Amino acid sequence: MSNTTLSVYLNIDRIYLTATKVEDNRATLIFIESTDHHLDLENQNSEQSKLAISELEAILSQITFTPDRTTITLPAESIFITKFPAQPNFKQDQLKQLVNLELRQAYPEFSFENFNVKLAPIVAPKSGNQTMVGMMILKSDLDFINKLFAKYNLRIDNFEISQFAAYSSFMFNYPEMREKNHNDNRIPRPISRFYYS
Protein backbone atom coordinates (compact mmCIF):
# COMPACT_ATOMS: atom_id res chain seq x y z
CA MET A 1 0.00 0.00 0.00
CA SER A 2 1.34 3.43 -0.93
CA ASN A 3 0.87 6.77 0.75
CA THR A 4 1.54 10.11 -0.95
CA THR A 5 2.28 13.26 1.04
CA LEU A 6 2.44 16.78 -0.33
CA SER A 7 4.73 18.87 1.87
CA VAL A 8 4.76 22.65 1.62
CA TYR A 9 7.37 24.77 3.40
CA LEU A 10 6.51 28.46 3.68
CA ASN A 11 10.09 29.57 4.13
CA ILE A 12 11.23 33.16 4.52
CA ASP A 13 12.75 33.28 1.01
CA ARG A 14 10.24 31.27 -1.07
CA ILE A 15 7.68 28.46 -0.90
CA TYR A 16 9.04 24.93 -1.37
CA LEU A 17 6.83 22.01 -2.40
CA THR A 18 7.69 18.33 -2.47
CA ALA A 19 5.66 15.16 -2.76
CA THR A 20 6.82 11.79 -1.55
CA LYS A 21 5.31 8.38 -2.02
CA VAL A 22 5.97 5.82 0.71
CA GLU A 23 5.83 2.15 -0.27
CA ASP A 24 7.30 -0.72 1.74
CA ASN A 25 8.82 1.76 4.23
CA ARG A 26 10.71 3.54 1.45
CA ALA A 27 10.06 7.13 0.48
CA THR A 28 10.37 8.17 -3.16
CA LEU A 29 10.41 11.80 -4.25
CA ILE A 30 7.80 12.21 -7.00
CA PHE A 31 7.47 15.99 -7.21
CA ILE A 32 9.54 19.07 -6.37
CA GLU A 33 8.88 22.73 -7.10
CA SER A 34 9.28 26.20 -5.60
CA THR A 35 8.09 29.74 -6.03
CA ASP A 36 10.41 32.68 -6.68
CA HIS A 37 8.81 34.81 -3.95
CA HIS A 38 7.89 34.30 -0.30
CA LEU A 39 4.57 34.52 1.52
CA ASP A 40 4.79 36.89 4.46
CA LEU A 41 2.02 35.86 6.85
CA GLU A 42 2.35 39.16 8.69
CA ASN A 43 1.80 41.09 5.46
CA GLN A 44 -0.32 38.93 3.18
CA ASN A 45 -1.15 41.87 0.89
CA SER A 46 2.44 42.86 0.15
CA GLU A 47 3.69 42.67 -3.43
CA GLN A 48 5.98 39.75 -2.50
CA SER A 49 3.11 37.84 -0.88
CA LYS A 50 0.78 38.42 -3.82
CA LEU A 51 3.43 37.16 -6.25
CA ALA A 52 4.11 34.12 -4.05
CA ILE A 53 0.40 33.28 -3.84
CA SER A 54 0.02 33.62 -7.61
CA GLU A 55 3.01 31.32 -8.20
CA LEU A 56 1.78 28.82 -5.61
CA GLU A 57 -1.68 28.71 -7.18
CA ALA A 58 -0.13 28.09 -10.62
CA ILE A 59 1.84 25.15 -9.20
CA LEU A 60 -1.13 23.68 -7.30
CA SER A 61 -3.37 23.92 -10.37
CA GLN A 62 -0.91 21.77 -12.38
CA ILE A 63 -0.37 18.95 -9.87
CA THR A 64 -1.29 15.68 -11.58
CA PHE A 65 -1.51 13.46 -8.48
CA THR A 66 -3.91 13.39 -5.53
CA PRO A 67 -2.04 13.43 -2.21
CA ASP A 68 -3.28 11.33 0.69
CA ARG A 69 -1.92 13.96 3.10
CA THR A 70 -0.96 17.61 2.88
CA THR A 71 1.37 19.09 5.45
CA ILE A 72 2.43 22.70 5.89
CA THR A 73 5.69 23.66 7.55
CA LEU A 74 5.99 27.16 8.96
CA PRO A 75 9.26 28.96 9.63
CA ALA A 76 10.01 29.84 13.25
CA GLU A 77 9.90 33.51 12.23
CA SER A 78 6.14 33.23 11.63
CA ILE A 79 5.22 31.98 15.09
CA PHE A 80 5.77 32.87 18.73
CA ILE A 81 8.00 30.36 20.51
CA THR A 82 8.59 30.45 24.25
CA LYS A 83 10.06 28.17 26.88
CA PHE A 84 8.82 27.94 30.44
CA PRO A 85 9.19 25.58 33.41
CA ALA A 86 6.57 22.87 33.71
CA GLN A 87 6.13 19.66 35.65
CA PRO A 88 5.05 16.31 34.17
CA ASN A 89 1.92 16.29 36.36
CA PHE A 90 0.63 19.72 35.25
CA LYS A 91 -2.99 19.58 34.13
CA GLN A 92 -4.23 21.24 30.94
CA ASP A 93 -5.79 24.12 32.90
CA GLN A 94 -2.44 24.85 34.55
CA LEU A 95 -0.66 24.73 31.20
CA LYS A 96 -3.26 27.04 29.69
CA GLN A 97 -2.65 29.57 32.50
CA LEU A 98 1.10 29.47 31.84
CA VAL A 99 0.56 29.96 28.11
CA ASN A 100 -1.83 32.85 28.80
CA LEU A 101 0.82 34.52 30.95
CA GLU A 102 3.45 34.16 28.22
CA LEU A 103 1.07 35.52 25.58
CA ARG A 104 0.00 38.52 27.68
CA GLN A 105 3.64 39.53 28.10
CA ALA A 106 4.49 39.21 24.40
CA TYR A 107 1.18 40.11 22.71
CA PRO A 108 -1.07 42.10 25.05
CA GLU A 109 -3.40 42.88 22.14
CA PHE A 110 -4.22 39.17 21.64
CA SER A 111 -5.83 36.53 23.81
CA PHE A 112 -5.32 32.78 24.10
CA GLU A 113 -8.33 32.22 21.83
CA ASN A 114 -6.54 33.95 18.92
CA PHE A 115 -3.87 31.23 18.80
CA ASN A 116 -3.44 27.59 17.97
CA VAL A 117 -1.01 26.31 20.60
CA LYS A 118 1.37 23.36 20.44
CA LEU A 119 3.20 22.39 23.61
CA ALA A 120 6.19 20.06 23.63
CA PRO A 121 7.60 18.89 26.97
CA ILE A 122 11.39 18.75 26.80
CA VAL A 123 13.50 16.60 29.09
CA ALA A 124 16.76 18.34 30.01
CA PRO A 125 20.03 16.47 29.55
CA LYS A 126 21.45 14.68 32.58
CA SER A 127 19.25 16.38 35.22
CA GLY A 128 15.96 15.09 33.85
CA ASN A 129 14.31 18.44 34.60
CA GLN A 130 11.34 19.19 32.42
CA THR A 131 10.49 22.40 30.64
CA MET A 132 7.82 23.16 28.09
CA VAL A 133 8.30 24.69 24.67
CA GLY A 134 5.19 26.56 23.56
CA MET A 135 4.58 27.32 19.89
CA MET A 136 1.76 29.76 19.25
CA ILE A 137 0.37 30.28 15.74
CA LEU A 138 -2.30 32.86 14.96
CA LYS A 139 -5.54 31.13 13.98
CA SER A 140 -6.13 33.81 11.35
CA ASP A 141 -2.88 32.71 9.61
CA LEU A 142 -3.98 29.07 9.69
CA ASP A 143 -7.42 29.99 8.34
CA PHE A 144 -5.81 31.95 5.50
CA ILE A 145 -3.61 28.99 4.52
CA ASN A 146 -6.46 26.48 4.83
CA LYS A 147 -8.67 28.55 2.51
CA LEU A 148 -5.86 28.97 -0.01
CA PHE A 149 -5.34 25.20 -0.32
CA ALA A 150 -9.06 24.36 -0.13
CA LYS A 151 -9.47 26.01 -3.55
CA TYR A 152 -7.53 23.04 -4.94
CA ASN A 153 -9.37 20.42 -2.86
CA LEU A 154 -6.36 20.01 -0.60
CA ARG A 155 -7.19 19.51 3.06
CA ILE A 156 -4.29 20.29 5.36
CA ASP A 157 -3.65 17.40 7.73
CA ASN A 158 -0.85 18.91 9.76
CA PHE A 159 0.85 22.20 10.49
CA GLU A 160 4.45 21.81 11.61
CA ILE A 161 7.24 24.11 12.69
CA SER A 162 10.49 23.90 10.73
CA GLN A 163 12.65 22.67 13.62
CA PHE A 164 10.26 19.81 14.48
CA ALA A 165 9.90 18.93 10.80
CA ALA A 166 13.68 18.52 10.61
CA TYR A 167 13.59 16.26 13.69
CA SER A 168 10.77 14.14 12.22
CA SER A 169 12.58 13.85 8.89
CA PHE A 170 15.76 12.69 10.62
CA MET A 171 13.84 10.07 12.61
CA PHE A 172 12.14 8.77 9.43
CA ASN A 173 15.33 8.60 7.39
CA TYR A 174 17.53 7.14 10.12
CA PRO A 175 15.32 4.80 12.15
CA GLU A 176 18.40 3.05 13.51
CA MET A 177 19.29 6.30 15.31
CA ARG A 178 15.99 6.59 17.19
CA GLU A 179 17.03 4.64 20.26
CA LYS A 180 20.57 5.99 20.24
CA ASN A 181 19.26 9.56 20.08
CA HIS A 182 16.68 9.02 22.82
CA ASN A 183 19.16 7.29 25.11
CA ASP A 184 21.82 9.99 24.74
CA ASN A 185 21.64 12.09 27.92
CA ARG A 186 23.34 15.01 26.19
CA ILE A 187 20.42 15.65 23.83
CA PRO A 188 17.23 17.40 24.98
CA ARG A 189 14.26 15.65 23.47
CA PRO A 190 10.52 16.15 23.10
CA ILE A 191 8.65 13.36 24.85
CA SER A 192 5.12 14.17 23.69
CA ARG A 193 3.00 17.00 22.38
CA PHE A 194 -0.22 18.67 23.45
CA TYR A 195 -2.39 20.57 21.02
CA TYR A 196 -4.91 23.28 21.69
CA SER A 197 -7.21 24.61 19.02
C-alpha atoms as a PDB file:
ATOM      1  CA  MET A   1       0.000   0.000   0.000  1.00  0.00           C
ATOM      2  CA  SER A   2       1.341   3.435  -0.935  1.00  0.00           C
ATOM      3  CA  ASN A   3       0.872   6.771   0.747  1.00  0.00           C
ATOM      4  CA  THR A   4       1.538  10.112  -0.949  1.00  0.00           C
ATOM      5  CA  THR A   5       2.277  13.260   1.043  1.00  0.00           C
ATOM      6  CA  LEU A   6       2.437  16.778  -0.332  1.00  0.00           C
ATOM      7  CA  SER A   7       4.727  18.873   1.870  1.00  0.00           C
ATOM      8  CA  VAL A   8       4.761  22.651   1.616  1.00  0.00           C
ATOM      9  CA  TYR A   9       7.366  24.765   3.399  1.00  0.00           C
ATOM     10  CA  LEU A  10       6.507  28.459   3.684  1.00  0.00           C
ATOM     11  CA  ASN A  11      10.089  29.565   4.127  1.00  0.00           C
ATOM     12  CA  ILE A  12      11.228  33.164   4.522  1.00  0.00           C
ATOM     13  CA  ASP A  13      12.749  33.285   1.007  1.00  0.00           C
ATOM     14  CA  ARG A  14      10.236  31.271  -1.074  1.00  0.00           C
ATOM     15  CA  ILE A  15       7.683  28.455  -0.900  1.00  0.00           C
ATOM     16  CA  TYR A  16       9.043  24.932  -1.373  1.00  0.00           C
ATOM     17  CA  LEU A  17       6.826  22.014  -2.404  1.00  0.00           C
ATOM     18  CA  THR A  18       7.686  18.332  -2.474  1.00  0.00           C
ATOM     19  CA  ALA A  19       5.661  15.164  -2.764  1.00  0.00           C
ATOM     20  CA  THR A  20       6.824  11.793  -1.546  1.00  0.00           C
ATOM     21  CA  LYS A  21       5.310   8.379  -2.019  1.00  0.00           C
ATOM     22  CA  VAL A  22       5.970   5.820   0.710  1.00  0.00           C
ATOM     23  CA  GLU A  23       5.827   2.153  -0.270  1.00  0.00           C
ATOM     24  CA  ASP A  24       7.304  -0.717   1.741  1.00  0.00           C
ATOM     25  CA  ASN A  25       8.823   1.763   4.234  1.00  0.00           C
ATOM     26  CA  ARG A  26      10.714   3.536   1.455  1.00  0.00           C
ATOM     27  CA  ALA A  27      10.059   7.135   0.476  1.00  0.00           C
ATOM     28  CA  THR A  28      10.371   8.175  -3.160  1.00  0.00           C
ATOM     29  CA  LEU A  29      10.405  11.800  -4.245  1.00  0.00           C
ATOM     30  CA  ILE A  30       7.798  12.205  -7.004  1.00  0.00           C
ATOM     31  CA  PHE A  31       7.466  15.993  -7.210  1.00  0.00           C
ATOM     32  CA  ILE A  32       9.537  19.068  -6.372  1.00  0.00           C
ATOM     33  CA  GLU A  33       8.883  22.732  -7.098  1.00  0.00           C
ATOM     34  CA  SER A  34       9.280  26.195  -5.597  1.00  0.00           C
ATOM     35  CA  THR A  35       8.088  29.738  -6.030  1.00  0.00           C
ATOM     36  CA  ASP A  36      10.408  32.680  -6.676  1.00  0.00           C
ATOM     37  CA  HIS A  37       8.815  34.805  -3.947  1.00  0.00           C
ATOM     38  CA  HIS A  38       7.891  34.296  -0.302  1.00  0.00           C
ATOM     39  CA  LEU A  39       4.575  34.523   1.518  1.00  0.00           C
ATOM     40  CA  ASP A  40       4.790  36.890   4.463  1.00  0.00           C
ATOM     41  CA  LEU A  41       2.019  35.860   6.848  1.00  0.00           C
ATOM     42  CA  GLU A  42       2.354  39.164   8.695  1.00  0.00           C
ATOM     43  CA  ASN A  43       1.797  41.090   5.460  1.00  0.00           C
ATOM     44  CA  GLN A  44      -0.316  38.926   3.176  1.00  0.00           C
ATOM     45  CA  ASN A  45      -1.153  41.871   0.892  1.00  0.00           C
ATOM     46  CA  SER A  46       2.439  42.857   0.150  1.00  0.00           C
ATOM     47  CA  GLU A  47       3.693  42.667  -3.429  1.00  0.00           C
ATOM     48  CA  GLN A  48       5.983  39.749  -2.504  1.00  0.00           C
ATOM     49  CA  SER A  49       3.113  37.837  -0.877  1.00  0.00           C
ATOM     50  CA  LYS A  50       0.782  38.425  -3.824  1.00  0.00           C
ATOM     51  CA  LEU A  51       3.427  37.156  -6.254  1.00  0.00           C
ATOM     52  CA  ALA A  52       4.106  34.125  -4.052  1.00  0.00           C
ATOM     53  CA  ILE A  53       0.400  33.279  -3.840  1.00  0.00           C
ATOM     54  CA  SER A  54       0.019  33.616  -7.606  1.00  0.00           C
ATOM     55  CA  GLU A  55       3.015  31.324  -8.203  1.00  0.00           C
ATOM     56  CA  LEU A  56       1.780  28.818  -5.614  1.00  0.00           C
ATOM     57  CA  GLU A  57      -1.676  28.710  -7.181  1.00  0.00           C
ATOM     58  CA  ALA A  58      -0.134  28.094 -10.616  1.00  0.00           C
ATOM     59  CA  ILE A  59       1.840  25.150  -9.199  1.00  0.00           C
ATOM     60  CA  LEU A  60      -1.129  23.683  -7.299  1.00  0.00           C
ATOM     61  CA  SER A  61      -3.370  23.920 -10.374  1.00  0.00           C
ATOM     62  CA  GLN A  62      -0.907  21.775 -12.376  1.00  0.00           C
ATOM     63  CA  ILE A  63      -0.371  18.952  -9.869  1.00  0.00           C
ATOM     64  CA  THR A  64      -1.288  15.680 -11.576  1.00  0.00           C
ATOM     65  CA  PHE A  65      -1.513  13.464  -8.475  1.00  0.00           C
ATOM     66  CA  THR A  66      -3.906  13.387  -5.528  1.00  0.00           C
ATOM     67  CA  PRO A  67      -2.040  13.432  -2.211  1.00  0.00           C
ATOM     68  CA  ASP A  68      -3.281  11.330   0.692  1.00  0.00           C
ATOM     69  CA  ARG A  69      -1.924  13.957   3.099  1.00  0.00           C
ATOM     70  CA  THR A  70      -0.965  17.609   2.879  1.00  0.00           C
ATOM     71  CA  THR A  71       1.365  19.091   5.454  1.00  0.00           C
ATOM     72  CA  ILE A  72       2.429  22.698   5.891  1.00  0.00           C
ATOM     73  CA  THR A  73       5.692  23.658   7.553  1.00  0.00           C
ATOM     74  CA  LEU A  74       5.989  27.158   8.960  1.00  0.00           C
ATOM     75  CA  PRO A  75       9.259  28.958   9.634  1.00  0.00           C
ATOM     76  CA  ALA A  76      10.012  29.843  13.248  1.00  0.00           C
ATOM     77  CA  GLU A  77       9.899  33.513  12.228  1.00  0.00           C
ATOM     78  CA  SER A  78       6.143  33.227  11.629  1.00  0.00           C
ATOM     79  CA  ILE A  79       5.217  31.976  15.089  1.00  0.00           C
ATOM     80  CA  PHE A  80       5.771  32.870  18.732  1.00  0.00           C
ATOM     81  CA  ILE A  81       8.004  30.363  20.511  1.00  0.00           C
ATOM     82  CA  THR A  82       8.593  30.452  24.252  1.00  0.00           C
ATOM     83  CA  LYS A  83      10.058  28.165  26.881  1.00  0.00           C
ATOM     84  CA  PHE A  84       8.823  27.943  30.444  1.00  0.00           C
ATOM     85  CA  PRO A  85       9.188  25.580  33.413  1.00  0.00           C
ATOM     86  CA  ALA A  86       6.572  22.870  33.707  1.00  0.00           C
ATOM     87  CA  GLN A  87       6.130  19.663  35.654  1.00  0.00           C
ATOM     88  CA  PRO A  88       5.053  16.308  34.173  1.00  0.00           C
ATOM     89  CA  ASN A  89       1.923  16.290  36.360  1.00  0.00           C
ATOM     90  CA  PHE A  90       0.628  19.715  35.252  1.00  0.00           C
ATOM     91  CA  LYS A  91      -2.994  19.580  34.133  1.00  0.00           C
ATOM     92  CA  GLN A  92      -4.232  21.238  30.941  1.00  0.00           C
ATOM     93  CA  ASP A  93      -5.795  24.121  32.899  1.00  0.00           C
ATOM     94  CA  GLN A  94      -2.440  24.846  34.552  1.00  0.00           C
ATOM     95  CA  LEU A  95      -0.662  24.725  31.201  1.00  0.00           C
ATOM     96  CA  LYS A  96      -3.262  27.039  29.687  1.00  0.00           C
ATOM     97  CA  GLN A  97      -2.654  29.569  32.500  1.00  0.00           C
ATOM     98  CA  LEU A  98       1.098  29.474  31.844  1.00  0.00           C
ATOM     99  CA  VAL A  99       0.562  29.956  28.108  1.00  0.00           C
ATOM    100  CA  ASN A 100      -1.828  32.850  28.797  1.00  0.00           C
ATOM    101  CA  LEU A 101       0.824  34.523  30.945  1.00  0.00           C
ATOM    102  CA  GLU A 102       3.450  34.164  28.216  1.00  0.00           C
ATOM    103  CA  LEU A 103       1.065  35.524  25.576  1.00  0.00           C
ATOM    104  CA  ARG A 104       0.001  38.517  27.680  1.00  0.00           C
ATOM    105  CA  GLN A 105       3.639  39.527  28.096  1.00  0.00           C
ATOM    106  CA  ALA A 106       4.486  39.212  24.401  1.00  0.00           C
ATOM    107  CA  TYR A 107       1.179  40.107  22.706  1.00  0.00           C
ATOM    108  CA  PRO A 108      -1.068  42.099  25.054  1.00  0.00           C
ATOM    109  CA  GLU A 109      -3.401  42.881  22.144  1.00  0.00           C
ATOM    110  CA  PHE A 110      -4.221  39.174  21.642  1.00  0.00           C
ATOM    111  CA  SER A 111      -5.829  36.533  23.810  1.00  0.00           C
ATOM    112  CA  PHE A 112      -5.322  32.783  24.099  1.00  0.00           C
ATOM    113  CA  GLU A 113      -8.326  32.216  21.833  1.00  0.00           C
ATOM    114  CA  ASN A 114      -6.537  33.950  18.920  1.00  0.00           C
ATOM    115  CA  PHE A 115      -3.871  31.226  18.797  1.00  0.00           C
ATOM    116  CA  ASN A 116      -3.436  27.587  17.973  1.00  0.00           C
ATOM    117  CA  VAL A 117      -1.006  26.315  20.603  1.00  0.00           C
ATOM    118  CA  LYS A 118       1.368  23.362  20.440  1.00  0.00           C
ATOM    119  CA  LEU A 119       3.204  22.389  23.611  1.00  0.00           C
ATOM    120  CA  ALA A 120       6.190  20.062  23.630  1.00  0.00           C
ATOM    121  CA  PRO A 121       7.599  18.886  26.966  1.00  0.00           C
ATOM    122  CA  ILE A 122      11.390  18.753  26.795  1.00  0.00           C
ATOM    123  CA  VAL A 123      13.504  16.604  29.088  1.00  0.00           C
ATOM    124  CA  ALA A 124      16.763  18.341  30.014  1.00  0.00           C
ATOM    125  CA  PRO A 125      20.034  16.472  29.550  1.00  0.00           C
ATOM    126  CA  LYS A 126      21.451  14.680  32.582  1.00  0.00           C
ATOM    127  CA  SER A 127      19.247  16.383  35.216  1.00  0.00           C
ATOM    128  CA  GLY A 128      15.956  15.086  33.849  1.00  0.00           C
ATOM    129  CA  ASN A 129      14.309  18.441  34.601  1.00  0.00           C
ATOM    130  CA  GLN A 130      11.344  19.188  32.417  1.00  0.00           C
ATOM    131  CA  THR A 131      10.492  22.403  30.637  1.00  0.00           C
ATOM    132  CA  MET A 132       7.821  23.163  28.087  1.00  0.00           C
ATOM    133  CA  VAL A 133       8.296  24.690  24.666  1.00  0.00           C
ATOM    134  CA  GLY A 134       5.194  26.559  23.559  1.00  0.00           C
ATOM    135  CA  MET A 135       4.584  27.320  19.887  1.00  0.00           C
ATOM    136  CA  MET A 136       1.755  29.760  19.249  1.00  0.00           C
ATOM    137  CA  ILE A 137       0.369  30.276  15.743  1.00  0.00           C
ATOM    138  CA  LEU A 138      -2.300  32.865  14.958  1.00  0.00           C
ATOM    139  CA  LYS A 139      -5.537  31.128  13.984  1.00  0.00           C
ATOM    140  CA  SER A 140      -6.126  33.811  11.354  1.00  0.00           C
ATOM    141  CA  ASP A 141      -2.883  32.712   9.609  1.00  0.00           C
ATOM    142  CA  LEU A 142      -3.978  29.069   9.694  1.00  0.00           C
ATOM    143  CA  ASP A 143      -7.416  29.988   8.337  1.00  0.00           C
ATOM    144  CA  PHE A 144      -5.811  31.950   5.496  1.00  0.00           C
ATOM    145  CA  ILE A 145      -3.607  28.994   4.524  1.00  0.00           C
ATOM    146  CA  ASN A 146      -6.464  26.476   4.828  1.00  0.00           C
ATOM    147  CA  LYS A 147      -8.668  28.553   2.510  1.00  0.00           C
ATOM    148  CA  LEU A 148      -5.856  28.973  -0.008  1.00  0.00           C
ATOM    149  CA  PHE A 149      -5.338  25.196  -0.318  1.00  0.00           C
ATOM    150  CA  ALA A 150      -9.058  24.362  -0.132  1.00  0.00           C
ATOM    151  CA  LYS A 151      -9.475  26.012  -3.547  1.00  0.00           C
ATOM    152  CA  TYR A 152      -7.534  23.042  -4.939  1.00  0.00           C
ATOM    153  CA  ASN A 153      -9.369  20.418  -2.859  1.00  0.00           C
ATOM    154  CA  LEU A 154      -6.357  20.007  -0.598  1.00  0.00           C
ATOM    155  CA  ARG A 155      -7.188  19.510   3.062  1.00  0.00           C
ATOM    156  CA  ILE A 156      -4.290  20.286   5.358  1.00  0.00           C
ATOM    157  CA  ASP A 157      -3.652  17.402   7.727  1.00  0.00           C
ATOM    158  CA  ASN A 158      -0.854  18.913   9.759  1.00  0.00           C
ATOM    159  CA  PHE A 159       0.848  22.200  10.490  1.00  0.00           C
ATOM    160  CA  GLU A 160       4.450  21.812  11.606  1.00  0.00           C
ATOM    161  CA  ILE A 161       7.240  24.114  12.691  1.00  0.00           C
ATOM    162  CA  SER A 162      10.485  23.898  10.729  1.00  0.00           C
ATOM    163  CA  GLN A 163      12.646  22.667  13.618  1.00  0.00           C
ATOM    164  CA  PHE A 164      10.265  19.815  14.475  1.00  0.00           C
ATOM    165  CA  ALA A 165       9.899  18.926  10.800  1.00  0.00           C
ATOM    166  CA  ALA A 166      13.681  18.518  10.610  1.00  0.00           C
ATOM    167  CA  TYR A 167      13.594  16.257  13.691  1.00  0.00           C
ATOM    168  CA  SER A 168      10.768  14.136  12.224  1.00  0.00           C
ATOM    169  CA  SER A 169      12.580  13.854   8.892  1.00  0.00           C
ATOM    170  CA  PHE A 170      15.762  12.693  10.621  1.00  0.00           C
ATOM    171  CA  MET A 171      13.836  10.066  12.612  1.00  0.00           C
ATOM    172  CA  PHE A 172      12.137   8.767   9.431  1.00  0.00           C
ATOM    173  CA  ASN A 173      15.333   8.600   7.385  1.00  0.00           C
ATOM    174  CA  TYR A 174      17.527   7.140  10.116  1.00  0.00           C
ATOM    175  CA  PRO A 175      15.316   4.797  12.149  1.00  0.00           C
ATOM    176  CA  GLU A 176      18.401   3.051  13.507  1.00  0.00           C
ATOM    177  CA  MET A 177      19.285   6.300  15.306  1.00  0.00           C
ATOM    178  CA  ARG A 178      15.986   6.590  17.194  1.00  0.00           C
ATOM    179  CA  GLU A 179      17.033   4.637  20.260  1.00  0.00           C
ATOM    180  CA  LYS A 180      20.566   5.993  20.236  1.00  0.00           C
ATOM    181  CA  ASN A 181      19.261   9.564  20.079  1.00  0.00           C
ATOM    182  CA  HIS A 182      16.685   9.024  22.823  1.00  0.00           C
ATOM    183  CA  ASN A 183      19.164   7.293  25.107  1.00  0.00           C
ATOM    184  CA  ASP A 184      21.819   9.991  24.741  1.00  0.00           C
ATOM    185  CA  ASN A 185      21.641  12.086  27.924  1.00  0.00           C
ATOM    186  CA  ARG A 186      23.342  15.013  26.188  1.00  0.00           C
ATOM    187  CA  ILE A 187      20.421  15.653  23.832  1.00  0.00           C
ATOM    188  CA  PRO A 188      17.229  17.403  24.978  1.00  0.00           C
ATOM    189  CA  ARG A 189      14.264  15.653  23.465  1.00  0.00           C
ATOM    190  CA  PRO A 190      10.519  16.153  23.102  1.00  0.00           C
ATOM    191  CA  ILE A 191       8.646  13.359  24.854  1.00  0.00           C
ATOM    192  CA  SER A 192       5.120  14.171  23.690  1.00  0.00           C
ATOM    193  CA  ARG A 193       3.003  16.997  22.383  1.00  0.00           C
ATOM    194  CA  PHE A 194      -0.216  18.665  23.446  1.00  0.00           C
ATOM    195  CA  TYR A 195      -2.391  20.567  21.019  1.00  0.00           C
ATOM    196  CA  TYR A 196      -4.913  23.276  21.689  1.00  0.00           C
ATOM    197  CA  SER A 197      -7.213  24.609  19.022  1.00  0.00           C
END
